Amino acid sequence: MERFKVGVRIRPQIERNNEKFDVEAAIKLDDTVVALSNVGSGQVQAKRQAFTFDHIWDRDNGQEDIYEDGVLELVDDVLDGINATAMCYGQTGSGKTFTALGFVNHNPL
């Protein structure tokens, strides 16, 4: 049995981005559709593109939601002897570590 599923995490806005942009570039329309807008100089262009994925998580979803919806089935498969991979992919600073670990408090010691 081969499967390939793609999920998207829309991470919470970073404070420094709130100062630059007054609109969000990615908006979750439902559990499988995300709309992307071109953001430039604080203006949203009228044209919006929508993309469909197997699952979409936004800033209201936590790591537990992502685990239950996107990873738990993989863990069960591995325990049954089936190979499985969960992979985070994206640009530097796009939220891969946040998606995998959540908020991390760095210990200076």
N, C-alpha and C. Protein backbone atom coordinates (compact mmCIF):
# COMPACT_ATOMS: atom_id res chain seq x y z
N MET A 1 0.84 -1.17 0.00
CA MET A 1 0.00 0.00 0.00
C MET A 1 0.90 1.25 0.00
N GLU A 2 0.72 2.11 -0.98
CA GLU A 2 1.48 3.35 -1.05
C GLU A 2 0.53 4.53 -0.95
N ARG A 3 0.91 5.49 -0.15
CA ARG A 3 0.13 6.71 0.00
C ARG A 3 1.07 7.89 0.10
N PHE A 4 0.61 8.99 -0.37
CA PHE A 4 1.36 10.23 -0.24
C PHE A 4 0.35 11.31 0.10
N LYS A 5 0.46 11.87 1.29
CA LYS A 5 -0.46 12.93 1.71
C LYS A 5 0.33 14.20 1.96
N VAL A 6 -0.29 15.32 1.66
CA VAL A 6 0.37 16.61 1.87
C VAL A 6 -0.52 17.47 2.76
N GLY A 7 0.07 17.94 3.84
CA GLY A 7 -0.62 18.86 4.75
C GLY A 7 0.16 20.16 4.81
N VAL A 8 -0.54 21.23 5.12
CA VAL A 8 0.08 22.55 5.19
C VAL A 8 -0.20 23.16 6.55
N ARG A 9 0.83 23.74 7.15
CA ARG A 9 0.69 24.46 8.42
C ARG A 9 0.85 25.95 8.16
N ILE A 10 -0.17 26.72 8.48
CA ILE A 10 -0.08 28.17 8.41
C ILE A 10 0.32 28.62 9.81
N ARG A 11 1.56 29.01 9.95
CA ARG A 11 2.06 29.34 11.28
C ARG A 11 1.52 30.69 11.75
N PRO A 12 1.54 30.88 13.07
CA PRO A 12 1.13 32.19 13.59
C PRO A 12 2.05 33.29 13.06
N GLN A 13 1.50 34.47 12.91
CA GLN A 13 2.28 35.60 12.43
C GLN A 13 3.34 35.99 13.46
N ILE A 14 4.54 36.28 13.01
CA ILE A 14 5.62 36.74 13.88
C ILE A 14 5.40 38.23 14.14
N GLU A 15 5.68 38.67 15.36
CA GLU A 15 5.44 40.07 15.74
C GLU A 15 6.05 41.06 14.76
N ARG A 16 7.30 40.82 14.34
CA ARG A 16 7.94 41.78 13.43
C ARG A 16 7.22 41.86 12.09
N ASN A 17 6.55 40.75 11.68
CA ASN A 17 5.77 40.78 10.44
C ASN A 17 4.46 41.56 10.62
N ASN A 18 3.91 41.55 11.83
CA ASN A 18 2.70 42.32 12.09
C ASN A 18 2.92 43.80 11.83
N GLU A 19 4.14 44.26 12.10
CA GLU A 19 4.46 45.67 11.89
C GLU A 19 4.58 45.99 10.40
N LYS A 20 5.05 45.04 9.60
CA LYS A 20 5.26 45.26 8.17
C LYS A 20 4.00 45.06 7.35
N PHE A 21 3.20 44.07 7.72
CA PHE A 21 2.05 43.69 6.92
C PHE A 21 0.79 43.73 7.76
N ASP A 22 -0.24 44.36 7.26
CA ASP A 22 -1.49 44.41 8.01
C ASP A 22 -2.48 43.34 7.53
N VAL A 23 -2.07 42.50 6.59
CA VAL A 23 -2.91 41.41 6.10
C VAL A 23 -2.09 40.12 6.10
N GLU A 24 -2.78 39.01 6.11
CA GLU A 24 -2.10 37.72 6.07
C GLU A 24 -2.12 37.18 4.66
N ALA A 25 -1.02 36.57 4.26
CA ALA A 25 -0.88 36.07 2.90
C ALA A 25 -1.59 34.73 2.70
N ALA A 26 -1.73 33.93 3.77
CA ALA A 26 -2.36 32.62 3.66
C ALA A 26 -3.55 32.55 4.60
N ILE A 27 -4.69 32.13 4.07
CA ILE A 27 -5.92 32.05 4.85
C ILE A 27 -6.54 30.68 4.64
N LYS A 28 -6.84 29.99 5.74
CA LYS A 28 -7.49 28.68 5.67
C LYS A 28 -8.97 28.89 5.37
N LEU A 29 -9.42 28.33 4.26
CA LEU A 29 -10.83 28.44 3.89
C LEU A 29 -11.66 27.31 4.49
N ASP A 30 -11.09 26.11 4.51
CA ASP A 30 -11.70 24.97 5.20
C ASP A 30 -10.59 23.98 5.51
N ASP A 31 -10.92 22.74 5.87
CA ASP A 31 -9.90 21.78 6.29
C ASP A 31 -8.97 21.33 5.18
N THR A 32 -9.30 21.63 3.92
CA THR A 32 -8.44 21.17 2.82
C THR A 32 -8.07 22.28 1.82
N VAL A 33 -8.58 23.49 1.99
CA VAL A 33 -8.33 24.55 1.02
C VAL A 33 -7.72 25.78 1.70
N VAL A 34 -6.63 26.28 1.12
CA VAL A 34 -5.98 27.50 1.60
C VAL A 34 -5.95 28.50 0.46
N ALA A 35 -6.18 29.77 0.78
CA ALA A 35 -6.11 30.84 -0.21
C ALA A 35 -4.85 31.65 0.03
N LEU A 36 -4.12 31.92 -1.03
CA LEU A 36 -2.91 32.74 -0.95
C LEU A 36 -3.15 34.05 -1.68
N SER A 37 -2.73 35.13 -1.05
CA SER A 37 -2.84 36.45 -1.67
C SER A 37 -1.45 37.03 -1.83
N ASN A 38 -1.25 37.78 -2.89
CA ASN A 38 0.00 38.49 -3.05
C ASN A 38 -0.02 39.71 -2.14
N VAL A 39 0.97 39.82 -1.28
CA VAL A 39 1.03 40.94 -0.35
C VAL A 39 2.23 41.81 -0.73
N GLY A 40 1.97 43.07 -0.93
CA GLY A 40 3.05 43.99 -1.26
C GLY A 40 2.70 45.38 -0.79
N SER A 41 3.60 46.00 -0.07
CA SER A 41 3.40 47.36 0.45
C SER A 41 2.12 47.48 1.25
N GLY A 42 1.78 46.42 1.98
CA GLY A 42 0.59 46.47 2.82
C GLY A 42 -0.72 46.35 2.06
N GLN A 43 -0.66 46.09 0.76
CA GLN A 43 -1.87 45.98 -0.06
C GLN A 43 -2.06 44.54 -0.52
N VAL A 44 -3.27 44.08 -0.52
CA VAL A 44 -3.58 42.75 -1.07
C VAL A 44 -4.11 42.96 -2.48
N GLN A 45 -3.49 42.27 -3.42
CA GLN A 45 -4.00 42.36 -4.78
C GLN A 45 -5.34 41.64 -4.86
N ALA A 46 -6.18 42.08 -5.77
CA ALA A 46 -7.53 41.53 -5.87
C ALA A 46 -7.53 40.05 -6.21
N LYS A 47 -6.51 39.56 -6.91
CA LYS A 47 -6.48 38.15 -7.32
C LYS A 47 -5.95 37.28 -6.18
N ARG A 48 -6.73 36.26 -5.84
CA ARG A 48 -6.38 35.31 -4.80
C ARG A 48 -6.36 33.93 -5.43
N GLN A 49 -5.40 33.11 -5.04
CA GLN A 49 -5.31 31.75 -5.56
C GLN A 49 -5.63 30.77 -4.45
N ALA A 50 -6.38 29.73 -4.76
CA ALA A 50 -6.73 28.71 -3.78
C ALA A 50 -6.05 27.39 -4.15
N PHE A 51 -5.60 26.67 -3.13
CA PHE A 51 -4.93 25.39 -3.31
C PHE A 51 -5.55 24.37 -2.36
N THR A 52 -5.64 23.13 -2.83
CA THR A 52 -6.24 22.06 -2.04
C THR A 52 -5.16 21.08 -1.57
N PHE A 53 -5.23 20.69 -0.31
CA PHE A 53 -4.30 19.74 0.29
C PHE A 53 -5.11 18.69 1.04
N ASP A 54 -4.42 17.66 1.53
CA ASP A 54 -5.11 16.64 2.31
C ASP A 54 -5.57 17.18 3.66
N HIS A 55 -4.79 18.09 4.23
CA HIS A 55 -5.18 18.73 5.49
C HIS A 55 -4.47 20.06 5.63
N ILE A 56 -5.14 20.99 6.30
CA ILE A 56 -4.55 22.31 6.55
C ILE A 56 -4.73 22.64 8.02
N TRP A 57 -3.65 23.06 8.65
CA TRP A 57 -3.68 23.52 10.03
C TRP A 57 -3.32 24.99 10.03
N ASP A 58 -4.00 25.76 10.85
CA ASP A 58 -3.68 27.19 10.93
C ASP A 58 -3.21 27.54 12.34
N ARG A 59 -3.13 28.83 12.64
CA ARG A 59 -2.58 29.29 13.91
C ARG A 59 -3.41 28.84 15.11
N ASP A 60 -4.65 28.42 14.88
CA ASP A 60 -5.49 27.96 15.98
C ASP A 60 -5.25 26.49 16.32
N ASN A 61 -4.50 25.79 15.49
CA ASN A 61 -4.19 24.39 15.73
C ASN A 61 -2.83 24.27 16.43
N GLY A 62 -2.77 23.37 17.39
CA GLY A 62 -1.52 23.12 18.10
C GLY A 62 -0.83 21.87 17.61
N GLN A 63 0.29 21.55 18.24
CA GLN A 63 1.06 20.38 17.85
C GLN A 63 0.24 19.11 18.04
N GLU A 64 -0.61 19.06 19.07
CA GLU A 64 -1.43 17.87 19.29
C GLU A 64 -2.38 17.63 18.12
N ASP A 65 -2.94 18.70 17.57
CA ASP A 65 -3.83 18.56 16.40
C ASP A 65 -3.07 18.00 15.20
N ILE A 66 -1.88 18.52 14.98
CA ILE A 66 -1.07 18.06 13.84
C ILE A 66 -0.69 16.60 14.03
N TYR A 67 -0.31 16.24 15.25
CA TYR A 67 0.04 14.84 15.53
C TYR A 67 -1.17 13.92 15.28
N GLU A 68 -2.31 14.28 15.83
CA GLU A 68 -3.49 13.42 15.69
C GLU A 68 -3.97 13.32 14.25
N ASP A 69 -3.96 14.43 13.52
CA ASP A 69 -4.47 14.44 12.15
C ASP A 69 -3.46 13.97 11.11
N GLY A 70 -2.16 14.20 11.37
CA GLY A 70 -1.18 13.96 10.33
C GLY A 70 -0.12 12.93 10.61
N VAL A 71 0.11 12.59 11.89
CA VAL A 71 1.24 11.72 12.20
C VAL A 71 0.82 10.42 12.90
N LEU A 72 -0.21 10.47 13.68
CA LEU A 72 -0.62 9.30 14.48
C LEU A 72 -0.79 8.05 13.63
N GLU A 73 -1.43 8.19 12.48
CA GLU A 73 -1.63 7.04 11.59
C GLU A 73 -0.29 6.48 11.12
N LEU A 74 0.69 7.36 10.89
CA LEU A 74 2.02 6.91 10.49
C LEU A 74 2.68 6.10 11.61
N VAL A 75 2.54 6.55 12.84
CA VAL A 75 3.11 5.83 13.98
C VAL A 75 2.48 4.45 14.08
N ASP A 76 1.17 4.38 13.92
CA ASP A 76 0.49 3.07 13.95
C ASP A 76 1.01 2.16 12.84
N ASP A 77 1.22 2.72 11.65
CA ASP A 77 1.75 1.93 10.53
C ASP A 77 3.14 1.38 10.85
N VAL A 78 4.00 2.22 11.43
CA VAL A 78 5.35 1.78 11.79
C VAL A 78 5.29 0.65 12.81
N LEU A 79 4.40 0.78 13.78
CA LEU A 79 4.26 -0.27 14.79
C LEU A 79 3.74 -1.58 14.18
N ASP A 80 3.08 -1.48 13.03
CA ASP A 80 2.62 -2.67 12.31
C ASP A 80 3.64 -3.17 11.30
N GLY A 81 4.84 -2.56 11.27
CA GLY A 81 5.90 -3.01 10.38
C GLY A 81 5.91 -2.36 9.01
N ILE A 82 5.15 -1.29 8.83
CA ILE A 82 5.11 -0.59 7.54
C ILE A 82 6.01 0.64 7.61
N ASN A 83 6.80 0.86 6.57
CA ASN A 83 7.65 2.05 6.53
C ASN A 83 6.80 3.31 6.41
N ALA A 84 7.21 4.37 7.11
CA ALA A 84 6.48 5.63 7.06
C ALA A 84 7.45 6.78 7.29
N THR A 85 7.12 7.93 6.74
CA THR A 85 7.94 9.13 6.91
C THR A 85 7.04 10.33 7.08
N ALA A 86 7.36 11.16 8.06
CA ALA A 86 6.72 12.47 8.21
C ALA A 86 7.83 13.49 7.96
N MET A 87 7.62 14.39 7.03
CA MET A 87 8.67 15.32 6.64
C MET A 87 8.15 16.75 6.68
N CYS A 88 8.97 17.64 7.22
CA CYS A 88 8.66 19.07 7.19
C CYS A 88 9.55 19.70 6.13
N TYR A 89 8.95 20.49 5.26
CA TYR A 89 9.69 21.11 4.16
C TYR A 89 9.26 22.57 4.06
N GLY A 90 10.21 23.44 3.85
CA GLY A 90 9.86 24.84 3.66
C GLY A 90 11.07 25.74 3.75
N GLN A 91 10.84 26.97 3.42
CA GLN A 91 11.88 28.00 3.42
C GLN A 91 12.37 28.23 4.85
N THR A 92 13.62 28.68 4.99
CA THR A 92 14.16 29.03 6.29
C THR A 92 13.25 30.06 6.94
N GLY A 93 12.91 29.80 8.19
CA GLY A 93 12.06 30.73 8.92
C GLY A 93 10.57 30.56 8.66
N SER A 94 10.20 29.50 7.92
CA SER A 94 8.78 29.33 7.58
C SER A 94 7.98 28.60 8.64
N GLY A 95 8.64 28.05 9.66
CA GLY A 95 7.91 27.44 10.77
C GLY A 95 8.04 25.93 10.90
N LYS A 96 9.04 25.32 10.27
CA LYS A 96 9.20 23.87 10.37
C LYS A 96 9.46 23.43 11.81
N THR A 97 10.40 24.06 12.48
CA THR A 97 10.72 23.71 13.86
C THR A 97 9.53 23.99 14.77
N PHE A 98 8.85 25.10 14.55
CA PHE A 98 7.66 25.43 15.33
C PHE A 98 6.60 24.35 15.15
N THR A 99 6.41 23.89 13.92
CA THR A 99 5.41 22.86 13.66
C THR A 99 5.77 21.56 14.39
N ALA A 100 7.05 21.20 14.40
CA ALA A 100 7.47 19.94 15.01
C ALA A 100 7.54 20.03 16.53
N LEU A 101 7.99 21.17 17.06
CA LEU A 101 8.27 21.26 18.49
C LEU A 101 7.40 22.24 19.27
N GLY A 102 6.75 23.17 18.59
CA GLY A 102 6.00 24.21 19.28
C GLY A 102 6.93 25.30 19.78
N PHE A 103 6.47 26.07 20.74
CA PHE A 103 7.32 27.12 21.30
C PHE A 103 8.43 26.48 22.11
N VAL A 104 9.67 26.87 21.81
CA VAL A 104 10.81 26.31 22.49
C VAL A 104 11.48 27.41 23.29
N ASN A 105 11.61 27.20 24.59
CA ASN A 105 12.34 28.14 25.44
C ASN A 105 13.78 27.72 25.46
N HIS A 106 14.65 28.57 24.97
CA HIS A 106 16.07 28.24 24.93
C HIS A 106 16.69 28.43 26.32
N ASN A 107 17.38 27.41 26.77
CA ASN A 107 18.06 27.48 28.04
C ASN A 107 19.46 28.02 27.81
N PRO A 108 19.80 29.18 28.38
CA PRO A 108 21.13 29.77 28.13
C PRO A 108 22.28 29.01 28.76
N LEU A 109 21.98 28.03 29.64
CA LEU A 109 23.06 27.30 30.31
C LEU A 109 23.56 26.18 29.47
